[in-house]
Structure formats: C-alpha cells, structure tokens
Amino acid sequence: MRNYRVNVNGTEYEVSIEEISASEVKKPAAAPASAPAPKAQAGSGEKITAPMPGNILSVNVTAGQTVKSGDVLMVLEAMKMENEIMAPKAGKVTSVAVQKGSTVATGDLLCTVE
C-alpha cells in the first residue's frame, strides 16, 4: 500500500493506492453487439433506403399495410437523434427489410412501397 498526497483544484487529499499484479486486473466486459440488419428480398415498388447509418428504434409498418404520403414508416437513431423515415408516396408496403434493433448503413434497404 502506498500513500500519496494529491492536490485537486486547490484542495489537498491523502490517498492510499494498493498495487495489484497483472493477473488481478479485471478486463472490461465487451459491449453487446447490435443486431445486424437482416438481408431481405426487396418487394416491388419504390425502395426506401437509409439516409444515414444508425439503429432502427421502431418499425411502424408491416408488409401488406397501406400507407399515406408522409406516414412515419420507422424511426432511425443516428448521432443520438431520432429521425423519422416517412413514406414518399401513398401506397402499399410490399416488404420490410429491417426490424427493431437493426443496425443499418447509408443506402441499406429499409422497405419498399408500391
């Protein structure tokens, strides 16, 4: 055990530090891997792709569902901001290529609207 006197912002502290061997050092736990986006077949119609890399927070549509222009299809989190992915036109969702928790890259297929 070694004792030290430390000055932090004008306040003096006495600290004791115990020396440990390399075998006693705990390794940090690995961060859990996020779910990769599943590779799904694209349905017919207009492809809706990810405008930026991020994580899918919610998927608000299913294949076969009818949507109106401007409806929120899903929410993509990028850089701690939630981005709503909206339907560019009215139509029917022919496929959904991601699920909640998926990680996507720019240009990855999210869904198709016919």
C-alpha atoms as a PDB file:
ATOM      1  CA  MET A   1       0.000   0.000   0.000  1.00  0.00           C
ATOM      2  CA  ARG A   2       1.393   3.391  -0.971  1.00  0.00           C
ATOM      3  CA  ASN A   3       0.178   6.724   0.397  1.00  0.00           C
ATOM      4  CA  TYR A   4       0.079   9.888  -1.694  1.00  0.00           C
ATOM      5  CA  ARG A   5      -0.960  13.486  -1.186  1.00  0.00           C
ATOM      6  CA  VAL A   6      -2.892  14.875  -4.166  1.00  0.00           C
ATOM      7  CA  ASN A   7      -3.923  18.479  -4.836  1.00  0.00           C
ATOM      8  CA  VAL A   8      -7.103  18.887  -6.890  1.00  0.00           C
ATOM      9  CA  ASN A   9      -8.252  22.440  -7.663  1.00  0.00           C
ATOM     10  CA  GLY A  10      -6.573  23.782  -4.535  1.00  0.00           C
ATOM     11  CA  THR A  11      -7.932  21.079  -2.213  1.00  0.00           C
ATOM     12  CA  GLU A  12      -5.454  18.602  -0.804  1.00  0.00           C
ATOM     13  CA  TYR A  13      -6.367  14.918  -0.428  1.00  0.00           C
ATOM     14  CA  GLU A  14      -4.496  11.963   1.028  1.00  0.00           C
ATOM     15  CA  VAL A  15      -4.980   8.764  -0.943  1.00  0.00           C
ATOM     16  CA  SER A  16      -3.822   5.196  -0.450  1.00  0.00           C
ATOM     17  CA  ILE A  17      -3.211   3.053  -3.511  1.00  0.00           C
ATOM     18  CA  GLU A  18      -2.869  -0.699  -3.433  1.00  0.00           C
ATOM     19  CA  GLU A  19      -0.593  -2.261  -6.030  1.00  0.00           C
ATOM     20  CA  ILE A  20      -2.001  -5.386  -7.713  1.00  0.00           C
ATOM     21  CA  SER A  21      -0.460  -7.947 -10.018  1.00  0.00           C
ATOM     22  CA  ALA A  22      -1.314  -8.219 -13.714  1.00  0.00           C
ATOM     23  CA  SER A  23      -3.312 -11.390 -13.065  1.00  0.00           C
ATOM     24  CA  GLU A  24      -5.641  -9.474 -10.723  1.00  0.00           C
ATOM     25  CA  VAL A  25      -6.530  -6.825 -13.304  1.00  0.00           C
ATOM     26  CA  LYS A  26     -10.157  -7.170 -14.428  1.00  0.00           C
ATOM     27  CA  LYS A  27     -10.780  -6.896 -18.137  1.00  0.00           C
ATOM     28  CA  PRO A  28     -13.729  -4.675 -19.136  1.00  0.00           C
ATOM     29  CA  ALA A  29     -16.779  -6.552 -20.422  1.00  0.00           C
ATOM     30  CA  ALA A  30     -17.265  -6.420 -24.170  1.00  0.00           C
ATOM     31  CA  ALA A  31     -20.160  -4.272 -25.358  1.00  0.00           C
ATOM     32  CA  PRO A  32     -23.082  -6.298 -26.682  1.00  0.00           C
ATOM     33  CA  ALA A  33     -23.196  -6.491 -30.452  1.00  0.00           C
ATOM     34  CA  SER A  34     -26.188  -4.808 -32.042  1.00  0.00           C
ATOM     35  CA  ALA A  35     -28.431  -6.838 -34.283  1.00  0.00           C
ATOM     36  CA  PRO A  36     -27.364  -6.609 -37.929  1.00  0.00           C
ATOM     37  CA  ALA A  37     -29.998  -5.733 -40.494  1.00  0.00           C
ATOM     38  CA  PRO A  38     -31.435  -8.903 -41.978  1.00  0.00           C
ATOM     39  CA  LYS A  39     -30.918  -9.417 -45.686  1.00  0.00           C
ATOM     40  CA  ALA A  40     -34.467  -9.486 -47.022  1.00  0.00           C
ATOM     41  CA  GLN A  41     -35.836  -9.683 -50.516  1.00  0.00           C
ATOM     42  CA  ALA A  42     -36.928  -6.339 -51.889  1.00  0.00           C
ATOM     43  CA  GLY A  43     -40.580  -6.182 -52.782  1.00  0.00           C
ATOM     44  CA  SER A  44     -41.838  -4.449 -55.878  1.00  0.00           C
ATOM     45  CA  GLY A  45     -42.201  -0.688 -55.787  1.00  0.00           C
ATOM     46  CA  GLU A  46     -40.115   2.270 -54.637  1.00  0.00           C
ATOM     47  CA  LYS A  47     -37.197   1.314 -52.412  1.00  0.00           C
ATOM     48  CA  ILE A  48     -36.901   3.307 -49.178  1.00  0.00           C
ATOM     49  CA  THR A  49     -33.249   3.337 -48.087  1.00  0.00           C
ATOM     50  CA  ALA A  50     -31.418   4.546 -45.000  1.00  0.00           C
ATOM     51  CA  PRO A  51     -30.307   8.172 -45.460  1.00  0.00           C
ATOM     52  CA  MET A  52     -27.520   7.697 -42.876  1.00  0.00           C
ATOM     53  CA  PRO A  53     -26.020   4.959 -40.711  1.00  0.00           C
ATOM     54  CA  GLY A  54     -27.781   4.262 -37.436  1.00  0.00           C
ATOM     55  CA  ASN A  55     -30.016   1.972 -35.402  1.00  0.00           C
ATOM     56  CA  ILE A  56     -33.671   1.213 -36.034  1.00  0.00           C
ATOM     57  CA  LEU A  57     -35.619   2.264 -32.914  1.00  0.00           C
ATOM     58  CA  SER A  58     -39.060   1.290 -34.177  1.00  0.00           C
ATOM     59  CA  VAL A  59     -40.755  -0.164 -37.242  1.00  0.00           C
ATOM     60  CA  ASN A  60     -44.302   1.196 -37.613  1.00  0.00           C
ATOM     61  CA  VAL A  61     -45.394  -0.776 -40.705  1.00  0.00           C
ATOM     62  CA  THR A  62     -45.725  -4.361 -41.871  1.00  0.00           C
ATOM     63  CA  ALA A  63     -45.713  -5.893 -45.341  1.00  0.00           C
ATOM     64  CA  GLY A  64     -49.148  -5.509 -46.930  1.00  0.00           C
ATOM     65  CA  GLN A  65     -50.054  -2.401 -44.937  1.00  0.00           C
ATOM     66  CA  THR A  66     -51.463   0.622 -46.795  1.00  0.00           C
ATOM     67  CA  VAL A  67     -49.751   3.965 -46.058  1.00  0.00           C
ATOM     68  CA  LYS A  68     -50.372   7.596 -46.973  1.00  0.00           C
ATOM     69  CA  SER A  69     -47.724  10.032 -48.158  1.00  0.00           C
ATOM     70  CA  GLY A  70     -45.891  11.372 -45.098  1.00  0.00           C
ATOM     71  CA  ASP A  71     -46.782   8.470 -42.770  1.00  0.00           C
ATOM     72  CA  VAL A  72     -43.907   7.516 -40.457  1.00  0.00           C
ATOM     73  CA  LEU A  73     -42.624   4.131 -41.601  1.00  0.00           C
ATOM     74  CA  MET A  74     -39.889   3.755 -38.990  1.00  0.00           C
ATOM     75  CA  VAL A  75     -37.610   5.701 -36.654  1.00  0.00           C
ATOM     76  CA  LEU A  76     -33.831   5.679 -37.236  1.00  0.00           C
ATOM     77  CA  GLU A  77     -31.490   6.829 -34.470  1.00  0.00           C
ATOM     78  CA  ALA A  78     -28.303   8.447 -35.730  1.00  0.00           C
ATOM     79  CA  MET A  79     -25.892  10.502 -33.621  1.00  0.00           C
ATOM     80  CA  LYS A  80     -28.319  10.464 -30.641  1.00  0.00           C
ATOM     81  CA  MET A  81     -31.100  11.981 -32.779  1.00  0.00           C
ATOM     82  CA  GLU A  82     -34.318  10.239 -33.772  1.00  0.00           C
ATOM     83  CA  ASN A  83     -35.057  10.567 -37.497  1.00  0.00           C
ATOM     84  CA  GLU A  84     -38.489   9.676 -38.818  1.00  0.00           C
ATOM     85  CA  ILE A  85     -38.415   7.811 -42.122  1.00  0.00           C
ATOM     86  CA  MET A  86     -41.607   8.824 -43.931  1.00  0.00           C
ATOM     87  CA  ALA A  87     -43.494   7.353 -46.860  1.00  0.00           C
ATOM     88  CA  PRO A  88     -42.629   9.349 -50.010  1.00  0.00           C
ATOM     89  CA  LYS A  89     -46.000   8.463 -51.562  1.00  0.00           C
ATOM     90  CA  ALA A  90     -49.284   6.748 -50.810  1.00  0.00           C
ATOM     91  CA  GLY A  91     -49.335   3.035 -51.482  1.00  0.00           C
ATOM     92  CA  LYS A  92     -48.914  -0.423 -50.081  1.00  0.00           C
ATOM     93  CA  VAL A  93     -45.816  -1.632 -48.207  1.00  0.00           C
ATOM     94  CA  THR A  94     -44.597  -4.640 -50.195  1.00  0.00           C
ATOM     95  CA  SER A  95     -41.639  -5.559 -47.974  1.00  0.00           C
ATOM     96  CA  VAL A  96     -39.952  -4.563 -44.716  1.00  0.00           C
ATOM     97  CA  ALA A  97     -36.222  -5.347 -44.666  1.00  0.00           C
ATOM     98  CA  VAL A  98     -35.342  -4.309 -41.091  1.00  0.00           C
ATOM     99  CA  GLN A  99     -36.560  -4.907 -37.572  1.00  0.00           C
ATOM    100  CA  LYS A 100     -36.353  -3.004 -34.290  1.00  0.00           C
ATOM    101  CA  GLY A 101     -32.736  -3.023 -33.073  1.00  0.00           C
ATOM    102  CA  SER A 102     -31.193  -3.482 -36.526  1.00  0.00           C
ATOM    103  CA  THR A 103     -28.073  -1.540 -37.431  1.00  0.00           C
ATOM    104  CA  VAL A 104     -28.099  -0.028 -40.914  1.00  0.00           C
ATOM    105  CA  ALA A 105     -25.572   1.712 -43.144  1.00  0.00           C
ATOM    106  CA  THR A 106     -26.244   4.543 -45.553  1.00  0.00           C
ATOM    107  CA  GLY A 107     -28.169   3.187 -48.541  1.00  0.00           C
ATOM    108  CA  ASP A 108     -29.354  -0.048 -46.876  1.00  0.00           C
ATOM    109  CA  LEU A 109     -32.850  -1.098 -47.883  1.00  0.00           C
ATOM    110  CA  LEU A 110     -35.447  -0.351 -45.175  1.00  0.00           C
ATOM    111  CA  CYS A 111     -38.680  -1.187 -47.008  1.00  0.00           C
ATOM    112  CA  THR A 112     -40.471  -0.838 -50.335  1.00  0.00           C
ATOM    113  CA  VAL A 113     -43.728   0.983 -51.096  1.00  0.00           C
ATOM    114  CA  GLU A 114     -45.767   0.234 -54.225  1.00  0.00           C
END
